[in-house]
Amino acid sequence: MNFKILNKSLAAIILMIVFGSCDRDRNTTGWEYFDDMVHSPAYETYSPNPNFTDGKTMRNPVEGTIPLGYVPFPYEKSVEDRVRAGKELVNPLEPTVQNLDRGKQVFTIFCMNCHGEKGDGKGYLFTSKLYPYPPANLLSEKVRNNPIGEIYHVITVGYGVMPQHGAQVRPEDRWKAAMYIKNVLHKQ
């Protein structure tokens, strides 16, 4: 082993540490080595960017990729898909006290303003005339006879004038809200 090379390398490392730890006036971080790494040329999201052939900074995701944590939902907002979802989707959760309590929380946060505390369609937004269309009565025979998969589908992609809540409510919480509607509201 060549000790001259080792000593020179060790001396260079010590000099870098000593000079790298010095600062000019106590208001800066010190000397900058490889300042191109510290001060990189950043581009704003919608600004032109000469590094790409299309000149855009914001890139589209690679085709076929799925964001982390996203679960694809293979049903559209249509009556046919709602009925199909009712036949095909099965709730993976058990109606435990914890799941029903969480379902009540989700219902209170996302559903109660339109559908009302009892699910009778008399929520604050409708009774205060802030929203002109009457929400669905979740206690009606039609909804009582719907399979839980249809309720999950409606929460996910919406129905009629009801907007979708799939982006705001996680899949397991959608199941818990549907379970709360079927196991608590429909039994009252």
Protein backbone atom coordinates (compact mmCIF):
# COMPACT_ATOMS: atom_id res chain seq x y z
CA MET A 1 0.00 0.00 0.00
CA ASN A 2 1.37 3.41 -0.94
CA PHE A 3 1.41 5.64 2.16
CA LYS A 4 2.33 8.80 0.20
CA ILE A 5 -0.97 8.65 -1.72
CA LEU A 6 -2.86 7.88 1.47
CA ASN A 7 -1.22 10.79 3.32
CA LYS A 8 -1.95 13.21 0.46
CA SER A 9 -5.59 12.09 0.34
CA LEU A 10 -5.91 12.44 4.09
CA ALA A 11 -4.35 15.90 3.99
CA ALA A 12 -6.72 16.97 1.21
CA ILE A 13 -9.73 15.76 3.20
CA ILE A 14 -8.55 17.62 6.31
CA LEU A 15 -8.01 20.83 4.30
CA MET A 16 -11.48 20.54 2.79
CA ILE A 17 -13.01 20.11 6.23
CA VAL A 18 -11.07 23.02 7.70
CA PHE A 19 -11.76 25.43 4.86
CA GLY A 20 -15.27 24.15 4.36
CA SER A 21 -16.16 24.91 7.94
CA CYS A 22 -15.00 28.51 7.75
CA ASP A 23 -17.48 31.23 7.09
CA ARG A 24 -16.98 34.73 5.86
CA ASP A 25 -19.08 36.85 8.19
CA ARG A 26 -21.17 34.50 10.40
CA ASN A 27 -24.22 35.19 8.21
CA THR A 28 -23.39 32.68 5.50
CA THR A 29 -22.97 28.95 5.48
CA GLY A 30 -19.33 29.16 4.52
CA TRP A 31 -17.39 28.46 1.38
CA GLU A 32 -19.22 26.65 -1.35
CA TYR A 33 -17.61 23.79 -3.19
CA PHE A 34 -19.47 22.58 -6.25
CA ASP A 35 -21.85 25.53 -6.12
CA ASP A 36 -23.67 24.25 -9.18
CA MET A 37 -25.27 21.71 -6.84
CA VAL A 38 -26.31 24.43 -4.37
CA HIS A 39 -27.64 26.93 -6.91
CA SER A 40 -29.32 24.76 -9.54
CA PRO A 41 -31.32 26.47 -12.27
CA ALA A 42 -34.89 25.72 -11.19
CA TYR A 43 -37.85 26.24 -13.49
CA GLU A 44 -41.32 27.20 -12.33
CA THR A 45 -44.08 24.68 -13.09
CA TYR A 46 -45.68 26.55 -16.00
CA SER A 47 -42.55 28.33 -17.29
CA PRO A 48 -40.85 27.44 -20.57
CA ASN A 49 -38.03 24.94 -20.27
CA PRO A 50 -35.41 24.53 -23.01
CA ASN A 51 -34.36 21.11 -21.66
CA PHE A 52 -37.37 19.35 -23.18
CA THR A 53 -38.41 19.14 -26.83
CA ASP A 54 -41.94 20.40 -26.13
CA GLY A 55 -40.55 23.34 -24.11
CA LYS A 56 -42.73 22.62 -21.06
CA THR A 57 -41.49 22.26 -17.50
CA MET A 58 -44.46 20.34 -16.12
CA ARG A 59 -44.32 16.74 -17.31
CA ASN A 60 -47.21 14.35 -17.80
CA PRO A 61 -47.06 11.11 -15.81
CA VAL A 62 -45.78 8.10 -17.69
CA GLU A 63 -48.68 6.38 -19.43
CA GLY A 64 -50.05 3.43 -17.49
CA THR A 65 -48.64 4.47 -14.12
CA ILE A 66 -50.78 4.67 -11.00
CA PRO A 67 -50.04 7.15 -8.19
CA LEU A 68 -48.91 5.66 -4.89
CA GLY A 69 -51.90 4.90 -2.67
CA TYR A 70 -54.42 5.23 -5.52
CA VAL A 71 -56.83 2.35 -6.08
CA PRO A 72 -58.33 2.34 -9.59
CA PHE A 73 -62.12 2.15 -9.69
CA PRO A 74 -63.32 0.29 -12.80
CA TYR A 75 -66.87 1.70 -12.79
CA GLU A 76 -68.25 4.82 -14.45
CA LYS A 77 -71.01 7.18 -13.29
CA SER A 78 -73.88 5.38 -15.00
CA VAL A 79 -76.94 3.39 -13.94
CA GLU A 80 -75.57 0.24 -15.59
CA ASP A 81 -72.26 0.47 -13.73
CA ARG A 82 -74.03 1.26 -10.46
CA VAL A 83 -76.12 -1.92 -10.78
CA ARG A 84 -73.06 -3.90 -11.86
CA ALA A 85 -71.10 -2.57 -8.88
CA GLY A 86 -73.95 -3.61 -6.60
CA LYS A 87 -73.64 -7.17 -7.87
CA GLU A 88 -69.84 -7.38 -8.02
CA LEU A 89 -68.52 -5.32 -5.10
CA VAL A 90 -68.32 -7.01 -1.71
CA ASN A 91 -67.59 -5.13 1.49
CA PRO A 92 -64.25 -6.43 2.82
CA LEU A 93 -64.95 -5.07 6.32
CA GLU A 94 -66.94 -6.51 9.20
CA PRO A 95 -69.67 -4.38 10.87
CA THR A 96 -67.76 -3.95 14.13
CA VAL A 97 -68.47 -1.16 16.59
CA GLN A 98 -65.25 0.62 15.53
CA ASN A 99 -66.12 0.39 11.82
CA LEU A 100 -69.68 1.63 12.38
CA ASP A 101 -68.41 4.49 14.57
CA ARG A 102 -65.97 5.51 11.83
CA GLY A 103 -68.78 5.18 9.27
CA LYS A 104 -70.88 7.56 11.35
CA GLN A 105 -67.99 10.05 11.44
CA VAL A 106 -67.56 9.87 7.67
CA PHE A 107 -71.33 10.20 7.16
CA THR A 108 -71.40 13.23 9.47
CA ILE A 109 -68.54 14.93 7.66
CA PHE A 110 -69.44 14.20 4.03
CA CYS A 111 -73.12 13.20 3.83
CA MET A 112 -75.10 14.84 6.62
CA ASN A 113 -75.11 18.37 5.17
CA CYS A 114 -77.20 17.16 2.23
CA HIS A 115 -78.89 13.95 3.39
CA GLY A 116 -79.58 15.04 6.96
CA GLU A 117 -78.62 13.52 10.29
CA LYS A 118 -81.21 10.74 9.90
CA GLY A 119 -80.53 10.24 6.19
CA ASP A 120 -84.01 11.44 5.29
CA GLY A 121 -82.84 13.99 2.68
CA LYS A 122 -83.48 16.97 4.93
CA GLY A 123 -79.95 18.22 5.42
CA TYR A 124 -78.99 21.78 6.20
CA LEU A 125 -78.01 22.70 2.65
CA PHE A 126 -81.48 21.78 1.37
CA THR A 127 -83.62 23.01 4.30
CA SER A 128 -81.81 26.37 4.33
CA LYS A 129 -82.49 26.68 0.58
CA LEU A 130 -78.77 27.01 -0.15
CA TYR A 131 -79.10 24.01 -2.45
CA PRO A 132 -82.22 23.85 -4.65
CA TYR A 133 -82.33 20.12 -5.49
CA PRO A 134 -83.69 17.70 -2.87
CA PRO A 135 -81.07 15.09 -1.93
CA ALA A 136 -81.99 11.42 -1.94
CA ASN A 137 -83.84 10.04 1.04
CA LEU A 138 -81.55 7.25 2.21
CA LEU A 139 -84.43 5.75 4.20
CA SER A 140 -86.59 5.14 1.10
CA GLU A 141 -87.43 1.57 0.07
CA LYS A 142 -85.39 2.01 -3.11
CA VAL A 143 -82.19 2.79 -1.19
CA ARG A 144 -82.97 0.20 1.53
CA ASN A 145 -83.16 -2.48 -1.17
CA ASN A 146 -79.91 -1.41 -2.84
CA PRO A 147 -76.94 -3.69 -2.18
CA ILE A 148 -74.09 -2.12 -0.23
CA GLY A 149 -71.94 -2.15 -3.39
CA GLU A 150 -74.35 0.32 -5.03
CA ILE A 151 -74.08 2.68 -2.07
CA TYR A 152 -70.29 2.41 -2.23
CA HIS A 153 -70.45 3.14 -5.99
CA VAL A 154 -72.62 6.24 -5.45
CA ILE A 155 -70.27 7.56 -2.75
CA THR A 156 -67.29 6.98 -5.04
CA VAL A 157 -68.50 8.40 -8.40
CA GLY A 158 -71.69 10.23 -7.43
CA TYR A 159 -75.21 9.86 -8.78
CA GLY A 160 -77.44 12.37 -10.55
CA VAL A 161 -76.51 15.80 -9.18
CA MET A 162 -74.60 14.29 -6.25
CA PRO A 163 -70.88 14.84 -6.82
CA GLN A 164 -68.28 12.15 -6.46
CA HIS A 165 -66.54 11.75 -3.11
CA GLY A 166 -63.96 9.19 -4.20
CA ALA A 167 -61.16 11.75 -4.15
CA GLN A 168 -61.99 12.98 -0.63
CA VAL A 169 -62.89 9.73 1.12
CA ARG A 170 -60.51 6.76 1.31
CA PRO A 171 -61.90 3.43 0.02
CA GLU A 172 -62.12 1.81 3.47
CA ASP A 173 -63.95 4.86 4.83
CA ARG A 174 -66.42 4.67 1.92
CA TRP A 175 -67.17 1.08 2.92
CA LYS A 176 -67.62 2.15 6.52
CA ALA A 177 -70.02 4.95 5.54
CA ALA A 178 -72.03 2.54 3.35
CA MET A 179 -72.04 0.05 6.22
CA TYR A 180 -73.30 2.76 8.59
CA ILE A 181 -76.14 3.61 6.18
CA LYS A 182 -77.14 -0.06 5.78
CA ASN A 183 -76.64 -1.24 9.37
CA VAL A 184 -77.61 1.81 11.43
CA LEU A 185 -79.75 4.27 9.47
CA HIS A 186 -81.81 1.56 7.75
CA LYS A 187 -82.47 -0.19 11.05
CA GLN A 188 -83.87 2.92 12.80
